[in-house]
PDB file of N, CA and C in Angstrom:
ATOM      1  N   MET A   1       0.836  -1.184   0.000  1.00  0.00           N
ATOM      2  CA  MET A   1       0.000   0.000   0.000  1.00  0.00           C
ATOM      3  C   MET A   1       0.883   1.251   0.000  1.00  0.00           C
ATOM      4  N   ARG A   2       0.569   2.180  -0.837  1.00  0.00           N
ATOM      5  CA  ARG A   2       1.336   3.420  -0.963  1.00  0.00           C
ATOM      6  C   ARG A   2       1.002   4.363   0.191  1.00  0.00           C
ATOM      7  N   LYS A   3       2.035   4.983   0.770  1.00  0.00           N
ATOM      8  CA  LYS A   3       1.848   5.918   1.884  1.00  0.00           C
ATOM      9  C   LYS A   3       1.334   7.260   1.359  1.00  0.00           C
ATOM     10  N   ARG A   4       0.507   7.919   2.160  1.00  0.00           N
ATOM     11  CA  ARG A   4       0.050   9.277   1.840  1.00  0.00           C
ATOM     12  C   ARG A   4       0.913  10.234   2.662  1.00  0.00           C
ATOM     13  N   LEU A   5       1.927  10.802   2.040  1.00  0.00           N
ATOM     14  CA  LEU A   5       2.874  11.663   2.740  1.00  0.00           C
ATOM     15  C   LEU A   5       2.346  13.082   2.811  1.00  0.00           C
ATOM     16  N   TYR A   6       2.648  13.734   3.928  1.00  0.00           N
ATOM     17  CA  TYR A   6       2.192  15.109   4.161  1.00  0.00           C
ATOM     18  C   TYR A   6       3.283  16.115   3.807  1.00  0.00           C
ATOM     19  N   LEU A   7       4.499  15.898   4.287  1.00  0.00           N
ATOM     20  CA  LEU A   7       5.588  16.859   4.116  1.00  0.00           C
ATOM     21  C   LEU A   7       6.678  16.311   3.210  1.00  0.00           C
ATOM     22  N   LYS A   8       7.454  17.236   2.616  1.00  0.00           N
ATOM     23  CA  LYS A   8       8.631  16.859   1.841  1.00  0.00           C
ATOM     24  C   LYS A   8       9.772  17.800   2.217  1.00  0.00           C
ATOM     25  N   VAL A   9      10.986  17.413   1.881  1.00  0.00           N
ATOM     26  CA  VAL A   9      12.161  18.215   2.212  1.00  0.00           C
ATOM     27  C   VAL A   9      12.001  19.617   1.631  1.00  0.00           C
ATOM     28  N   GLY A  10      12.299  20.614   2.444  1.00  0.00           N
ATOM     29  CA  GLY A  10      12.210  22.002   2.018  1.00  0.00           C
ATOM     30  C   GLY A  10      10.936  22.706   2.458  1.00  0.00           C
ATOM     31  N   ASP A  11       9.918  21.952   2.847  1.00  0.00           N
ATOM     32  CA  ASP A  11       8.675  22.585   3.323  1.00  0.00           C
ATOM     33  C   ASP A  11       8.943  23.385   4.592  1.00  0.00           C
ATOM     34  N   ARG A  12       8.320  24.551   4.673  1.00  0.00           N
ATOM     35  CA  ARG A  12       8.405  25.377   5.884  1.00  0.00           C
ATOM     36  C   ARG A  12       7.120  25.182   6.664  1.00  0.00           C
ATOM     37  N   VAL A  13       7.273  24.974   7.974  1.00  0.00           N
ATOM     38  CA  VAL A  13       6.129  24.607   8.807  1.00  0.00           C
ATOM     39  C   VAL A  13       6.135  25.373  10.119  1.00  0.00           C
ATOM     40  N   THR A  14       5.003  25.284  10.811  1.00  0.00           N
ATOM     41  CA  THR A  14       4.882  25.797  12.170  1.00  0.00           C
ATOM     42  C   THR A  14       4.032  24.808  12.957  1.00  0.00           C
ATOM     43  N   HIS A  15       4.102  24.895  14.265  1.00  0.00           N
ATOM     44  CA  HIS A  15       3.284  24.030  15.113  1.00  0.00           C
ATOM     45  C   HIS A  15       2.223  24.892  15.786  1.00  0.00           C
ATOM     46  N   ILE A  16       0.952  24.508  15.675  1.00  0.00           N
ATOM     47  CA  ILE A  16      -0.128  25.360  16.182  1.00  0.00           C
ATOM     48  C   ILE A  16      -0.168  25.411  17.706  1.00  0.00           C
ATOM     49  N   LYS A  17       0.377  24.411  18.386  1.00  0.00           N
ATOM     50  CA  LYS A  17       0.363  24.406  19.850  1.00  0.00           C
ATOM     51  C   LYS A  17       1.654  24.947  20.456  1.00  0.00           C
ATOM     52  N   TYR A  18       2.747  24.906  19.686  1.00  0.00           N
ATOM     53  CA  TYR A  18       4.054  25.315  20.207  1.00  0.00           C
ATOM     54  C   TYR A  18       4.657  26.394  19.313  1.00  0.00           C
ATOM     55  N   SER A  19       3.973  27.507  19.212  1.00  0.00           N
ATOM     56  CA  SER A  19       4.443  28.586  18.339  1.00  0.00           C
ATOM     57  C   SER A  19       5.799  29.130  18.779  1.00  0.00           C
ATOM     58  N   PHE A  20       6.156  28.934  20.060  1.00  0.00           N
ATOM     59  CA  PHE A  20       7.449  29.425  20.538  1.00  0.00           C
ATOM     60  C   PHE A  20       8.612  28.632  19.946  1.00  0.00           C
ATOM     61  N   TRP A  21       8.350  27.505  19.284  1.00  0.00           N
ATOM     62  CA  TRP A  21       9.409  26.789  18.569  1.00  0.00           C
ATOM     63  C   TRP A  21       9.867  27.600  17.366  1.00  0.00           C
ATOM     64  N   GLY A  22       8.995  28.452  16.841  1.00  0.00           N
ATOM     65  CA  GLY A  22       9.293  29.244  15.658  1.00  0.00           C
ATOM     66  C   GLY A  22       8.975  28.467  14.386  1.00  0.00           C
ATOM     67  N   VAL A  23       9.409  29.017  13.279  1.00  0.00           N
ATOM     68  CA  VAL A  23       9.204  28.380  11.977  1.00  0.00           C
ATOM     69  C   VAL A  23      10.220  27.248  11.839  1.00  0.00           C
ATOM     70  N   GLY A  24       9.784  26.165  11.234  1.00  0.00           N
ATOM     71  CA  GLY A  24      10.672  25.034  11.001  1.00  0.00           C
ATOM     72  C   GLY A  24      10.789  24.731   9.525  1.00  0.00           C
ATOM     73  N   GLU A  25      11.856  24.005   9.180  1.00  0.00           N
ATOM     74  CA  GLU A  25      12.048  23.565   7.805  1.00  0.00           C
ATOM     75  C   GLU A  25      12.350  22.075   7.814  1.00  0.00           C
ATOM     76  N   VAL A  26      11.666  21.339   6.937  1.00  0.00           N
ATOM     77  CA  VAL A  26      11.906  19.904   6.820  1.00  0.00           C
ATOM     78  C   VAL A  26      13.288  19.714   6.204  1.00  0.00           C
ATOM     79  N   ILE A  27      14.189  19.038   6.933  1.00  0.00           N
ATOM     80  CA  ILE A  27      15.556  18.852   6.459  1.00  0.00           C
ATOM     81  C   ILE A  27      15.851  17.417   6.041  1.00  0.00           C
ATOM     82  N   GLU A  28      14.963  16.486   6.413  1.00  0.00           N
ATOM     83  CA  GLU A  28      15.199  15.093   6.052  1.00  0.00           C
ATOM     84  C   GLU A  28      13.879  14.329   6.100  1.00  0.00           C
ATOM     85  N   GLU A  29      13.743  13.360   5.212  1.00  0.00           N
ATOM     86  CA  GLU A  29      12.620  12.435   5.272  1.00  0.00           C
ATOM     87  C   GLU A  29      13.146  11.040   4.996  1.00  0.00           C
ATOM     88  N   TRP A  30      12.586  10.070   5.686  1.00  0.00           N
ATOM     89  CA  TRP A  30      12.993   8.696   5.431  1.00  0.00           C
ATOM     90  C   TRP A  30      11.810   7.770   5.599  1.00  0.00           C
ATOM     91  N   HIS A  31      11.890   6.624   4.922  1.00  0.00           N
ATOM     92  CA  HIS A  31      10.767   5.697   4.825  1.00  0.00           C
ATOM     93  C   HIS A  31      11.242   4.280   5.108  1.00  0.00           C
ATOM     94  N   SER A  32      10.410   3.530   5.773  1.00  0.00           N
ATOM     95  CA  SER A  32      10.673   2.108   5.988  1.00  0.00           C
ATOM     96  C   SER A  32      10.393   1.363   4.691  1.00  0.00           C
ATOM     97  N   HIS A  33      11.216   0.385   4.395  1.00  0.00           N
ATOM     98  CA  HIS A  33      10.991  -0.436   3.200  1.00  0.00           C
ATOM     99  C   HIS A  33      10.167  -1.670   3.524  1.00  0.00           C
ATOM    100  N   LEU A  34       9.799  -1.833   4.795  1.00  0.00           N
ATOM    101  CA  LEU A  34       8.985  -2.965   5.214  1.00  0.00           C
ATOM    102  C   LEU A  34       7.503  -2.613   5.117  1.00  0.00           C
ATOM    103  N   ALA A  35       6.703  -3.587   4.780  1.00  0.00           N
ATOM    104  CA  ALA A  35       5.256  -3.367   4.721  1.00  0.00           C
ATOM    105  C   ALA A  35       4.754  -2.952   6.100  1.00  0.00           C
ATOM    106  N   GLY A  36       3.980  -1.887   6.156  1.00  0.00           N
ATOM    107  CA  GLY A  36       3.449  -1.404   7.424  1.00  0.00           C
ATOM    108  C   GLY A  36       4.410  -0.548   8.214  1.00  0.00           C
ATOM    109  N   GLY A  37       5.598  -0.269   7.648  1.00  0.00           N
ATOM    110  CA  GLY A  37       6.599   0.550   8.336  1.00  0.00           C
ATOM    111  C   GLY A  37       6.232   2.016   8.321  1.00  0.00           C
ATOM    112  N   PHE A  38       6.940   2.793   9.133  1.00  0.00           N
ATOM    113  CA  PHE A  38       6.645   4.210   9.274  1.00  0.00           C
ATOM    114  C   PHE A  38       7.430   5.076   8.285  1.00  0.00           C
ATOM    115  N   CYS A  39       6.929   6.278   8.065  1.00  0.00           N
ATOM    116  CA  CYS A  39       7.609   7.337   7.325  1.00  0.00           C
ATOM    117  C   CYS A  39       7.822   8.475   8.305  1.00  0.00           C
ATOM    118  N   PHE A  40       9.014   9.038   8.303  1.00  0.00           N
ATOM    119  CA  PHE A  40       9.350  10.105   9.239  1.00  0.00           C
ATOM    120  C   PHE A  40       9.887  11.322   8.514  1.00  0.00           C
ATOM    121  N   VAL A  41       9.785  12.473   9.172  1.00  0.00           N
ATOM    122  CA  VAL A  41      10.469  13.684   8.728  1.00  0.00           C
ATOM    123  C   VAL A  41      11.199  14.267   9.923  1.00  0.00           C
ATOM    124  N   ARG A  42      12.318  14.928   9.636  1.00  0.00           N
ATOM    125  CA  ARG A  42      13.039  15.661  10.671  1.00  0.00           C
ATOM    126  C   ARG A  42      12.932  17.139  10.329  1.00  0.00           C
ATOM    127  N   ILE A  43      12.537  17.931  11.324  1.00  0.00           N
ATOM    128  CA  ILE A  43      12.302  19.360  11.128  1.00  0.00           C
ATOM    129  C   ILE A  43      13.223  20.141  12.048  1.00  0.00           C
ATOM    130  N   LEU A  44      13.929  21.121  11.481  1.00  0.00           N
ATOM    131  CA  LEU A  44      14.766  22.031  12.262  1.00  0.00           C
ATOM    132  C   LEU A  44      13.976  23.301  12.501  1.00  0.00           C
ATOM    133  N   PHE A  45      13.715  23.595  13.769  1.00  0.00           N
ATOM    134  CA  PHE A  45      12.952  24.784  14.142  1.00  0.00           C
ATOM    135  C   PHE A  45      13.878  25.933  14.520  1.00  0.00           C
ATOM    136  N   GLU A  46      13.337  27.159  14.524  1.00  0.00           N
ATOM    137  CA  GLU A  46      14.116  28.357  14.836  1.00  0.00           C
ATOM    138  C   GLU A  46      14.688  28.339  16.238  1.00  0.00           C
ATOM    139  N   ASP A  47      14.120  27.557  17.145  1.00  0.00           N
ATOM    140  CA  ASP A  47      14.674  27.486  18.502  1.00  0.00           C
ATOM    141  C   ASP A  47      15.954  26.654  18.549  1.00  0.00           C
ATOM    142  N   GLY A  48      16.379  26.131  17.397  1.00  0.00           N
ATOM    143  CA  GLY A  48      17.637  25.397  17.305  1.00  0.00           C
ATOM    144  C   GLY A  48      17.507  23.900  17.504  1.00  0.00           C
ATOM    145  N   ASN A  49      16.319  23.407  17.749  1.00  0.00           N
ATOM    146  CA  ASN A  49      16.118  21.978  17.983  1.00  0.00           C
ATOM    147  C   ASN A  49      15.561  21.288  16.742  1.00  0.00           C
ATOM    148  N   GLU A  50      16.056  20.075  16.523  1.00  0.00           N
ATOM    149  CA  GLU A  50      15.504  19.217  15.483  1.00  0.00           C
ATOM    150  C   GLU A  50      14.497  18.284  16.146  1.00  0.00           C
ATOM    151  N   ARG A  51      13.361  18.125  15.490  1.00  0.00           N
ATOM    152  CA  ARG A  51      12.326  17.241  16.016  1.00  0.00           C
ATOM    153  C   ARG A  51      11.856  16.326  14.892  1.00  0.00           C
ATOM    154  N   SER A  52      11.578  15.074  15.222  1.00  0.00           N
ATOM    155  CA  SER A  52      11.139  14.088  14.239  1.00  0.00           C
ATOM    156  C   SER A  52       9.669  13.766  14.437  1.00  0.00           C
ATOM    157  N   PHE A  53       8.985  13.573  13.313  1.00  0.00           N
ATOM    158  CA  PHE A  53       7.554  13.310  13.331  1.00  0.00           C
ATOM    159  C   PHE A  53       7.205  12.230  12.316  1.00  0.00           C
ATOM    160  N   ILE A  54       6.110  11.531  12.556  1.00  0.00           N
ATOM    161  CA  ILE A  54       5.575  10.592  11.587  1.00  0.00           C
ATOM    162  C   ILE A  54       4.908  11.388  10.469  1.00  0.00           C
ATOM    163  N   ASN A  55       5.121  10.949   9.221  1.00  0.00           N
ATOM    164  CA  ASN A  55       4.727  11.729   8.057  1.00  0.00           C
ATOM    165  C   ASN A  55       3.704  10.999   7.181  1.00  0.00           C
ATOM    166  N   ASP A  56       2.914  10.112   7.729  1.00  0.00           N
ATOM    167  CA  ASP A  56       1.943   9.331   6.960  1.00  0.00           C
ATOM    168  C   ASP A  56       0.527   9.768   7.357  1.00  0.00           C
ATOM    169  N   LEU A  57      -0.192  10.387   6.432  1.00  0.00           N
ATOM    170  CA  LEU A  57      -1.540  10.890   6.726  1.00  0.00           C
ATOM    171  C   LEU A  57      -2.525   9.781   7.089  1.00  0.00           C
ATOM    172  N   ASP A  58      -2.220   8.532   6.767  1.00  0.00           N
ATOM    173  CA  ASP A  58      -3.097   7.423   7.146  1.00  0.00           C
ATOM    174  C   ASP A  58      -2.880   6.989   8.591  1.00  0.00           C
ATOM    175  N   SER A  59      -1.857   7.516   9.256  1.00  0.00           N
ATOM    176  CA  SER A  59      -1.580   7.188  10.650  1.00  0.00           C
ATOM    177  C   SER A  59      -2.218   8.232  11.559  1.00  0.00           C
ATOM    178  N   GLU A  60      -2.836   7.783  12.639  1.00  0.00           N
ATOM    179  CA  GLU A  60      -3.418   8.723  13.591  1.00  0.00           C
ATOM    180  C   GLU A  60      -2.342   9.546  14.302  1.00  0.00           C
ATOM    181  N   PHE A  61      -1.079   9.145  14.167  1.00  0.00           N
ATOM    182  CA  PHE A  61       0.032   9.856  14.803  1.00  0.00           C
ATOM    183  C   PHE A  61       0.769  10.776  13.837  1.00  0.00           C
ATOM    184  N   CYS A  62       0.205  10.998  12.657  1.00  0.00           N
ATOM    185  CA  CYS A  62       0.828  11.879  11.654  1.00  0.00           C
ATOM    186  C   CYS A  62       1.042  13.271  12.233  1.00  0.00           C
ATOM    187  N   CYS A  63       2.116  13.916  11.819  1.00  0.00           N
ATOM    188  CA  CYS A  63       2.445  15.247  12.323  1.00  0.00           C
ATOM    189  C   CYS A  63       1.328  16.259  12.038  1.00  0.00           C
ATOM    190  N   TYR A  64       0.557  16.062  10.978  1.00  0.00           N
ATOM    191  CA  TYR A  64      -0.553  16.968  10.699  1.00  0.00           C
ATOM    192  C   TYR A  64      -1.561  16.946  11.843  1.00  0.00           C
ATOM    193  N   TYR A  65      -1.895  15.763  12.321  1.00  0.00           N
ATOM    194  CA  TYR A  65      -2.899  15.628  13.374  1.00  0.00           C
ATOM    195  C   TYR A  65      -2.367  16.088  14.729  1.00  0.00           C
ATOM    196  N   SER A  66      -1.044  16.168  14.863  1.00  0.00           N
ATOM    197  CA  SER A  66      -0.480  16.655  16.134  1.00  0.00           C
ATOM    198  C   SER A  66      -0.262  18.165  16.125  1.00  0.00           C
ATOM    199  N   GLY A  67      -0.483  18.836  14.968  1.00  0.00           N
ATOM    200  CA  GLY A  67      -0.421  20.292  14.946  1.00  0.00           C
ATOM    201  C   GLY A  67       0.557  20.930  13.987  1.00  0.00           C
ATOM    202  N   ILE A  68       1.284  20.163  13.220  1.00  0.00           N
ATOM    203  CA  ILE A  68       2.233  20.734  12.257  1.00  0.00           C
ATOM    204  C   ILE A  68       1.445  21.210  11.038  1.00  0.00           C
ATOM    205  N   ARG A  69       1.689  22.466  10.642  1.00  0.00           N
ATOM    206  CA  ARG A  69       1.015  23.038   9.472  1.00  0.00           C
ATOM    207  C   ARG A  69       2.046  23.657   8.535  1.00  0.00           C
ATOM    208  N   ILE A  70       1.808  23.473   7.231  1.00  0.00           N
ATOM    209  CA  ILE A  70       2.673  24.043   6.205  1.00  0.00           C
ATOM    210  C   ILE A  70       2.403  25.540   6.099  1.00  0.00           C
ATOM    211  N   ILE A  71       3.483  26.307   5.989  1.00  0.00           N
ATOM    212  CA  ILE A  71       3.381  27.751   5.764  1.00  0.00           C
ATOM    213  C   ILE A  71       3.494  27.995   4.271  1.00  0.00           C
ATOM    214  N   SER A  72       2.543  28.719   3.691  1.00  0.00           N
ATOM    215  CA  SER A  72       2.572  28.964   2.241  1.00  0.00           C
ATOM    216  C   SER A  72       3.426  30.159   1.913  1.00  0.00           C
TER     217      SER A  72
END
C-alpha cells in the first residue's frame, strides 16, 4: 500500500500548539521499506532543535494531526 505523505524536504512549517518553537524547515525524510513501516520527517525549528515526526496521513500519529502546518 502506498503511503500518503504530508511533508517533503524544504517545506516550511509551524506548530499550532508550540508557536514558541518558531518556523521550522523539513531537512530530512525517510521511509521504511517494510510493509506497514513508518515514514518520518526531521524538522529544524528556529529554537535550534531538530524534532522528528511521523509523516503518513493514514496514521493517527501523523504530524498533521499533532499540529504541524505548512506555511505557504
